[in-house]
Amino acid sequence: MVKKEIKKISKLENLKEELEILLENFPLKKFVVVVFSVGFLFLLTGLFLIFFLKPYCGDGTLYGQCSKNKPYFCSEGVLVEKASSCGCNSNLTLTGNLCISKYQLESKEATFKYILRGEEKEINLTLYKEMANYLSSLPSSISPKKGENFSRADFKFRAINNEEQRNLLMPLVIKIQNIAKDKTEQMRIAVSLVQKIPFEGSKKTFLFGNTVLNYSRYPYEILYEKQGICEEKSQLLVFLLRELGYKSVIFFNIFENHESVGIKCPMAIDFKNTGYCFVETTASSIITDDEVEYVGVGGLYSTPEVALISEGISLGRNLYEYKDANDLKVIRNTINENGQLSSFQHQRFEELKKKYGLERV
């Protein structure tokens, strides 16, 4: 037992000697400098994380703070309703942590699909009959005051600026923001979701003077009825883009009688030198693909009217959809000219159809 203790003491003494030799060859001053440098580096890293990489929710709200969109609160990366802390808009009633609209009575559940890089996903949304009925009852025309002139944009603003409607459309915006923090990803989800809503017109009409016109539904009605035409679906999309922070427009090609959406983007990838990237809303399509063929119309060859809907951010130059759209255009031209594709083009065509859920060329 004594021998074992002596061996331990001996090892400790040897270790002590080795440590003393190490300190002699590595002066204390250098050691202090190294420790200070490493500590300073960690400090800078911490400050960077605090000031530049603050944890935030999909709308940019920092953790533990109320969103500018009442009554939402950023809780560990997810926007949740917390009206008791964040309050309600003036036309809503505070009920616990919820803000309740007078149009939230008879509800139904709806599922909306979207495709992101070839994977089909869905968003579930609660919709209310009273809101759809309220919007349907609003006047279909605008009565101008003496000396006033109305533009196409004025009719768009009437459709998307209704505050009662916004209250019940915001849950969809919040769901998109909770799925993805990245703004470009949010845009992709919104575009695909609107495109996936079936194309069909309303059977309702109204009398304008002596002319019978088709009724144009509000964005909320498009969700409630799960159908819409180019004008109606484009209005729904620009509403979503505005709330997601994008600068957007509506394109109207008069000759083809067609409406689509534009999102601010670099001139190198824009539509007809407008400064906006083309987005088709009637069916699944690749963003920037402006050579889609329409039944009975063909392509969009006329110069569109451009109605500015919202200010905001722009898409980046390196949008992968632009390359994909160009590849599809080449494939489309090859089919039209030759009637068939090479094995490589066929494989690429299949990839694009799956990636975007394309149902038409």
Protein backbone atom coordinates (compact mmCIF):
# COMPACT_ATOMS: atom_id res chain seq x y z
CA MET A 1 0.00 0.00 0.00
CA VAL A 2 2.85 2.38 0.93
CA LYS A 3 4.67 1.54 -2.33
CA LYS A 4 1.58 2.50 -4.37
CA GLU A 5 1.33 5.87 -2.59
CA ILE A 6 5.04 6.55 -3.20
CA LYS A 7 4.55 5.82 -6.94
CA LYS A 8 1.62 8.29 -7.08
CA ILE A 9 3.70 11.02 -5.40
CA SER A 10 6.53 10.33 -7.80
CA LYS A 11 4.20 10.71 -10.81
CA LEU A 12 2.86 13.96 -9.43
CA GLU A 13 6.37 15.34 -8.99
CA ASN A 14 7.26 14.37 -12.57
CA LEU A 15 4.10 16.06 -13.84
CA LYS A 16 4.96 19.16 -11.85
CA GLU A 17 8.45 19.29 -13.40
CA GLU A 18 7.04 18.89 -16.92
CA LEU A 19 4.56 21.73 -16.28
CA GLU A 20 7.32 24.01 -15.02
CA ILE A 21 9.40 23.31 -18.15
CA LEU A 22 6.35 24.08 -20.34
CA LEU A 23 5.77 27.40 -18.60
CA GLU A 24 9.44 28.34 -19.01
CA ASN A 25 9.21 27.76 -22.78
CA PHE A 26 5.77 29.50 -23.00
CA PRO A 27 6.02 32.74 -20.99
CA LEU A 28 3.00 33.89 -19.02
CA LYS A 29 2.76 37.09 -21.05
CA LYS A 30 2.19 35.09 -24.25
CA PHE A 31 -0.33 32.88 -22.47
CA VAL A 32 -2.30 35.91 -21.30
CA VAL A 33 -2.27 37.37 -24.84
CA VAL A 34 -3.58 34.10 -26.33
CA VAL A 35 -6.32 33.77 -23.70
CA PHE A 36 -7.32 37.42 -24.20
CA SER A 37 -7.38 37.02 -28.00
CA VAL A 38 -9.57 33.92 -27.85
CA GLY A 39 -11.89 35.58 -25.35
CA PHE A 40 -12.14 38.70 -27.50
CA LEU A 41 -13.00 36.55 -30.53
CA PHE A 42 -15.79 34.84 -28.60
CA LEU A 43 -17.03 38.27 -27.46
CA LEU A 44 -17.16 39.56 -31.04
CA THR A 45 -18.97 36.41 -32.14
CA GLY A 46 -21.52 36.83 -29.36
CA LEU A 47 -22.10 40.48 -30.25
CA PHE A 48 -22.57 39.55 -33.92
CA LEU A 49 -25.14 36.93 -33.00
CA ILE A 50 -26.96 39.37 -30.73
CA PHE A 51 -27.08 42.34 -33.09
CA PHE A 52 -27.11 40.75 -36.56
CA LEU A 53 -28.53 37.25 -36.14
CA LYS A 54 -31.24 37.91 -33.63
CA PRO A 55 -33.78 35.06 -33.54
CA TYR A 56 -36.93 36.18 -35.34
CA CYS A 57 -40.23 34.97 -36.75
CA GLY A 58 -41.29 34.78 -40.37
CA ASP A 59 -42.52 38.38 -40.48
CA GLY A 60 -39.28 39.74 -38.98
CA THR A 61 -40.61 40.11 -35.42
CA LEU A 62 -37.97 39.32 -32.78
CA TYR A 63 -38.50 36.54 -30.27
CA GLY A 64 -40.65 37.64 -27.34
CA GLN A 65 -42.15 40.66 -29.09
CA CYS A 66 -45.54 41.56 -30.57
CA SER A 67 -45.86 41.61 -34.33
CA LYS A 68 -47.03 44.75 -36.13
CA ASN A 69 -49.93 42.54 -37.22
CA LYS A 70 -52.16 42.31 -34.17
CA PRO A 71 -52.71 40.07 -32.22
CA TYR A 72 -49.66 37.98 -33.19
CA PHE A 73 -46.69 37.38 -30.88
CA CYS A 74 -43.33 35.83 -31.79
CA SER A 75 -42.92 32.79 -29.55
CA GLU A 76 -39.70 30.84 -30.22
CA GLY A 77 -39.89 31.32 -33.96
CA VAL A 78 -43.64 30.85 -34.36
CA LEU A 79 -46.26 33.60 -34.65
CA VAL A 80 -49.12 32.89 -32.25
CA GLU A 81 -52.22 34.83 -31.27
CA LYS A 82 -51.69 36.67 -27.99
CA ALA A 83 -54.29 39.40 -27.94
CA SER A 84 -54.04 39.84 -24.17
CA SER A 85 -50.55 41.28 -24.69
CA CYS A 86 -50.57 42.53 -28.29
CA GLY A 87 -54.11 43.91 -28.58
CA CYS A 88 -56.62 43.83 -31.44
CA ASN A 89 -57.51 45.96 -34.43
CA SER A 90 -60.33 48.41 -33.79
CA ASN A 91 -62.97 46.37 -35.63
CA LEU A 92 -62.27 43.15 -33.70
CA THR A 93 -63.37 42.03 -30.23
CA LEU A 94 -60.83 40.90 -27.63
CA THR A 95 -61.71 37.44 -26.32
CA GLY A 96 -58.96 35.94 -24.15
CA ASN A 97 -55.92 35.72 -26.43
CA LEU A 98 -58.00 35.94 -29.60
CA CYS A 99 -59.35 38.80 -31.68
CA ILE A 100 -62.81 37.85 -32.96
CA SER A 101 -64.56 39.30 -36.01
CA LYS A 102 -68.34 39.68 -36.12
CA TYR A 103 -68.15 37.61 -39.31
CA GLN A 104 -66.70 34.57 -37.52
CA LEU A 105 -69.82 32.49 -36.91
CA GLU A 106 -70.44 29.58 -39.28
CA SER A 107 -67.07 28.02 -40.11
CA LYS A 108 -65.70 25.34 -42.39
CA GLU A 109 -62.25 23.82 -42.78
CA ALA A 110 -60.45 24.07 -46.12
CA THR A 111 -57.17 22.60 -47.34
CA PHE A 112 -54.97 24.38 -49.88
CA LYS A 113 -52.14 22.56 -51.59
CA TYR A 114 -48.86 23.98 -52.82
CA ILE A 115 -45.69 22.55 -54.36
CA LEU A 116 -42.19 23.48 -53.25
CA ARG A 117 -39.30 21.92 -55.20
CA GLY A 118 -41.34 18.92 -56.24
CA GLU A 119 -42.86 18.18 -52.84
CA GLU A 120 -46.59 18.69 -52.44
CA LYS A 121 -47.64 20.13 -49.10
CA GLU A 122 -50.78 21.74 -47.73
CA ILE A 123 -52.12 24.49 -45.51
CA ASN A 124 -55.32 24.06 -43.51
CA LEU A 125 -57.45 27.15 -43.01
CA THR A 126 -60.70 27.93 -41.19
CA LEU A 127 -63.07 29.97 -43.36
CA TYR A 128 -66.34 31.72 -42.50
CA LYS A 129 -69.59 31.87 -44.43
CA GLU A 130 -70.56 35.29 -43.02
CA MET A 131 -67.42 36.94 -44.42
CA ALA A 132 -68.02 35.47 -47.88
CA ASN A 133 -71.66 36.65 -47.78
CA TYR A 134 -70.67 40.13 -46.58
CA LEU A 135 -68.19 40.60 -49.44
CA SER A 136 -70.66 39.22 -51.97
CA SER A 137 -73.21 41.84 -50.86
CA LEU A 138 -70.90 44.81 -51.48
CA PRO A 139 -71.55 47.01 -54.56
CA SER A 140 -69.85 45.68 -57.68
CA SER A 141 -69.22 49.11 -59.17
CA ILE A 142 -67.55 52.30 -57.98
CA SER A 143 -69.61 55.49 -58.07
CA PRO A 144 -67.28 58.32 -59.13
CA LYS A 145 -67.65 61.79 -57.75
CA LYS A 146 -67.81 64.70 -60.14
CA GLY A 147 -64.43 65.29 -61.78
CA GLU A 148 -62.96 61.95 -60.60
CA ASN A 149 -61.47 59.40 -62.95
CA PHE A 150 -60.94 55.79 -61.94
CA SER A 151 -58.16 53.51 -63.12
CA ARG A 152 -57.99 49.72 -63.20
CA ALA A 153 -55.85 49.88 -60.05
CA ASP A 154 -58.71 51.54 -58.12
CA PHE A 155 -60.88 48.46 -58.66
CA LYS A 156 -58.01 46.25 -57.50
CA PHE A 157 -57.55 48.29 -54.34
CA ARG A 158 -61.27 48.02 -53.60
CA ALA A 159 -60.94 44.25 -53.80
CA ILE A 160 -57.82 43.88 -51.63
CA ASN A 161 -58.05 46.82 -49.19
CA ASN A 162 -61.23 45.85 -47.36
CA GLU A 163 -60.19 45.84 -43.69
CA GLU A 164 -62.81 43.32 -42.54
CA GLN A 165 -61.56 40.93 -45.22
CA ARG A 166 -57.90 41.51 -44.24
CA ASN A 167 -58.62 40.43 -40.67
CA LEU A 168 -59.71 36.99 -41.87
CA LEU A 169 -57.10 36.67 -44.63
CA MET A 170 -54.16 37.34 -42.31
CA PRO A 171 -54.25 33.83 -40.78
CA LEU A 172 -53.20 32.49 -44.19
CA VAL A 173 -50.33 34.98 -44.36
CA ILE A 174 -49.24 34.00 -40.85
CA LYS A 175 -49.33 30.30 -41.71
CA ILE A 176 -47.04 30.94 -44.69
CA GLN A 177 -44.67 32.96 -42.50
CA ASN A 178 -44.62 30.20 -39.89
CA ILE A 179 -43.71 27.62 -42.54
CA ALA A 180 -40.73 29.60 -43.89
CA LYS A 181 -38.70 32.50 -42.52
CA ASP A 182 -36.98 33.10 -45.86
CA LYS A 183 -38.86 35.73 -47.89
CA THR A 184 -38.24 34.02 -51.24
CA GLU A 185 -39.60 30.74 -49.88
CA GLN A 186 -42.68 32.55 -48.58
CA MET A 187 -43.22 34.02 -52.05
CA ARG A 188 -42.91 30.58 -53.65
CA ILE A 189 -45.49 29.09 -51.29
CA ALA A 190 -47.95 31.93 -51.93
CA VAL A 191 -47.55 31.70 -55.72
CA SER A 192 -47.99 27.92 -55.85
CA LEU A 193 -50.95 27.95 -53.45
CA VAL A 194 -52.85 30.46 -55.60
CA GLN A 195 -51.94 28.63 -58.81
CA LYS A 196 -53.29 25.36 -57.38
CA ILE A 197 -56.74 26.83 -56.73
CA PRO A 198 -58.98 25.53 -59.56
CA PHE A 199 -59.71 27.87 -62.47
CA GLU A 200 -63.43 28.56 -62.75
CA GLY A 201 -65.57 31.67 -63.07
CA SER A 202 -68.42 32.84 -60.89
CA LYS A 203 -71.92 32.23 -62.17
CA LYS A 204 -73.13 35.47 -60.57
CA THR A 205 -73.73 38.59 -62.69
CA PHE A 206 -74.67 42.21 -62.11
CA LEU A 207 -76.18 44.97 -64.21
CA PHE A 208 -73.91 47.91 -65.10
CA GLY A 209 -76.05 50.41 -66.96
CA ASN A 210 -77.67 48.33 -69.65
CA THR A 211 -74.86 45.77 -69.70
CA VAL A 212 -74.82 42.45 -67.85
CA LEU A 213 -71.36 41.78 -66.44
CA ASN A 214 -69.85 38.84 -64.61
CA TYR A 215 -69.40 39.35 -60.89
CA SER A 216 -65.75 39.65 -59.78
CA ARG A 217 -65.13 37.96 -56.45
CA TYR A 218 -63.02 39.26 -53.59
CA PRO A 219 -59.85 37.37 -52.57
CA TYR A 220 -61.57 35.85 -49.52
CA GLU A 221 -64.39 34.53 -51.73
CA ILE A 222 -61.80 32.79 -53.92
CA LEU A 223 -60.55 30.90 -50.87
CA TYR A 224 -64.05 30.18 -49.59
CA GLU A 225 -65.30 28.86 -52.94
CA LYS A 226 -61.89 27.36 -53.88
CA GLN A 227 -62.10 28.62 -57.46
CA GLY A 228 -61.34 31.74 -59.48
CA ILE A 229 -60.40 33.21 -62.85
CA CYS A 230 -57.23 35.10 -63.79
CA GLU A 231 -58.41 38.47 -62.46
CA GLU A 232 -59.65 37.09 -59.15
CA LYS A 233 -56.69 34.81 -58.47
CA SER A 234 -54.26 37.61 -59.35
CA GLN A 235 -55.95 39.85 -56.78
CA LEU A 236 -55.57 37.17 -54.13
CA LEU A 237 -51.89 36.72 -54.95
CA VAL A 238 -51.03 40.44 -54.85
CA PHE A 239 -52.77 40.66 -51.48
CA LEU A 240 -50.52 37.89 -50.14
CA LEU A 241 -47.41 39.39 -51.74
CA ARG A 242 -48.16 42.79 -50.24
CA GLU A 243 -48.54 41.34 -46.76
CA LEU A 244 -45.32 39.33 -47.24
CA GLY A 245 -43.48 42.57 -48.06
CA TYR A 246 -43.05 42.43 -51.87
CA LYS A 247 -43.37 45.17 -54.46
CA SER A 248 -46.00 43.88 -56.85
CA VAL A 249 -48.15 44.84 -59.82
CA ILE A 250 -50.99 43.42 -61.86
CA PHE A 251 -50.39 43.01 -65.59
CA PHE A 252 -53.38 43.45 -67.89
CA ASN A 253 -52.92 42.39 -71.50
CA ILE A 254 -55.85 44.15 -73.18
CA PHE A 255 -55.68 42.35 -76.51
CA GLU A 256 -55.65 38.91 -74.87
CA ASN A 257 -58.02 40.03 -72.07
CA HIS A 258 -55.77 38.42 -69.47
CA GLU A 259 -54.51 39.43 -66.02
CA SER A 260 -51.38 38.15 -64.29
CA VAL A 261 -49.02 39.27 -61.55
CA GLY A 262 -45.61 40.91 -61.54
CA ILE A 263 -43.08 40.85 -58.70
CA LYS A 264 -40.26 43.40 -58.62
CA CYS A 265 -37.02 41.86 -59.90
CA PRO A 266 -33.76 42.78 -61.71
CA MET A 267 -34.18 43.98 -65.31
CA ALA A 268 -32.13 41.02 -66.57
CA ILE A 269 -34.97 38.61 -65.78
CA ASP A 270 -38.07 40.85 -66.01
CA PHE A 271 -41.15 40.74 -68.26
CA LYS A 272 -41.11 43.01 -71.34
CA ASN A 273 -38.79 45.59 -69.70
CA THR A 274 -41.31 46.37 -66.96
CA GLY A 275 -38.95 45.74 -64.05
CA TYR A 276 -41.23 42.94 -62.77
CA CYS A 277 -41.02 39.18 -63.11
CA PHE A 278 -44.04 37.51 -64.70
CA VAL A 279 -46.23 35.20 -62.60
CA GLU A 280 -49.14 33.27 -64.11
CA THR A 281 -51.93 32.58 -61.62
CA THR A 282 -54.46 30.47 -63.54
CA ALA A 283 -52.55 27.18 -63.13
CA SER A 284 -49.20 25.81 -61.97
CA SER A 285 -46.46 27.61 -63.87
CA ILE A 286 -42.80 28.56 -63.38
CA ILE A 287 -42.17 32.11 -62.20
CA THR A 288 -40.75 34.19 -65.14
CA ASP A 289 -42.24 31.81 -67.74
CA ASP A 290 -44.03 34.37 -69.92
CA GLU A 291 -44.55 32.08 -72.93
CA VAL A 292 -47.44 30.06 -71.56
CA GLU A 293 -50.03 29.13 -74.21
CA TYR A 294 -53.69 29.96 -73.48
CA VAL A 295 -56.67 28.15 -74.97
CA GLY A 296 -58.22 30.24 -77.75
CA VAL A 297 -55.65 33.01 -77.28
CA GLY A 298 -52.16 31.65 -77.71
CA GLY A 299 -49.35 33.56 -76.04
CA LEU A 300 -49.25 37.04 -74.50
CA TYR A 301 -47.86 39.26 -77.26
CA SER A 302 -49.35 42.66 -76.44
CA THR A 303 -47.68 45.19 -74.16
CA PRO A 304 -49.44 44.99 -70.79
CA GLU A 305 -50.90 47.76 -68.69
CA VAL A 306 -49.09 47.80 -65.34
CA ALA A 307 -51.05 48.62 -62.18
CA LEU A 308 -48.82 49.14 -59.13
CA ILE A 309 -50.36 47.44 -56.11
CA SER A 310 -47.73 47.55 -53.36
CA GLU A 311 -44.27 48.84 -52.57
CA GLY A 312 -41.73 46.50 -51.03
CA ILE A 313 -38.74 44.26 -51.62
CA SER A 314 -37.49 42.77 -54.88
CA LEU A 315 -36.64 39.26 -55.95
CA GLY A 316 -32.92 38.49 -56.29
CA ARG A 317 -30.97 38.01 -59.51
CA ASN A 318 -30.14 34.35 -58.79
CA LEU A 319 -33.71 33.08 -58.89
CA TYR A 320 -33.50 29.40 -59.87
CA GLU A 321 -36.91 29.62 -61.53
CA TYR A 322 -35.42 31.80 -64.28
CA LYS A 323 -33.10 29.04 -65.50
CA ASP A 324 -35.84 26.44 -65.17
CA ALA A 325 -38.25 28.63 -67.16
CA ASN A 326 -35.68 29.08 -69.93
CA ASP A 327 -35.12 25.32 -70.07
CA LEU A 328 -38.86 24.80 -70.38
CA LYS A 329 -39.08 27.37 -73.18
CA VAL A 330 -36.41 25.46 -75.14
CA ILE A 331 -38.28 22.19 -74.56
CA ARG A 332 -41.57 23.81 -75.62
CA ASN A 333 -40.02 25.16 -78.83
CA THR A 334 -38.45 21.77 -79.61
CA ILE A 335 -41.82 20.04 -79.24
CA ASN A 336 -43.48 22.61 -81.52
CA GLU A 337 -40.75 22.33 -84.17
CA ASN A 338 -39.83 18.64 -84.07
CA GLY A 339 -42.69 16.95 -82.30
CA GLN A 340 -40.31 15.00 -80.07
CA LEU A 341 -37.55 15.43 -77.51
CA SER A 342 -34.13 13.91 -77.04
CA SER A 343 -33.73 11.52 -74.10
CA PHE A 344 -31.93 14.26 -72.14
CA GLN A 345 -34.68 16.83 -72.86
CA HIS A 346 -37.38 14.31 -71.98
CA GLN A 347 -35.71 13.64 -68.62
CA ARG A 348 -35.37 17.37 -67.97
CA PHE A 349 -39.01 17.91 -68.94
CA GLU A 350 -40.15 15.28 -66.44
CA GLU A 351 -38.01 16.89 -63.74
CA LEU A 352 -39.60 20.29 -64.34
CA LYS A 353 -43.13 18.91 -64.39
CA LYS A 354 -42.56 17.24 -61.02
CA LYS A 355 -40.70 20.19 -59.51
CA TYR A 356 -43.54 22.66 -60.24
CA GLY A 357 -46.54 20.37 -60.60
CA LEU A 358 -46.99 21.46 -64.21
CA GLU A 359 -50.20 20.33 -65.87
CA ARG A 360 -49.66 22.14 -69.15
CA VAL A 361 -46.66 23.00 -71.31
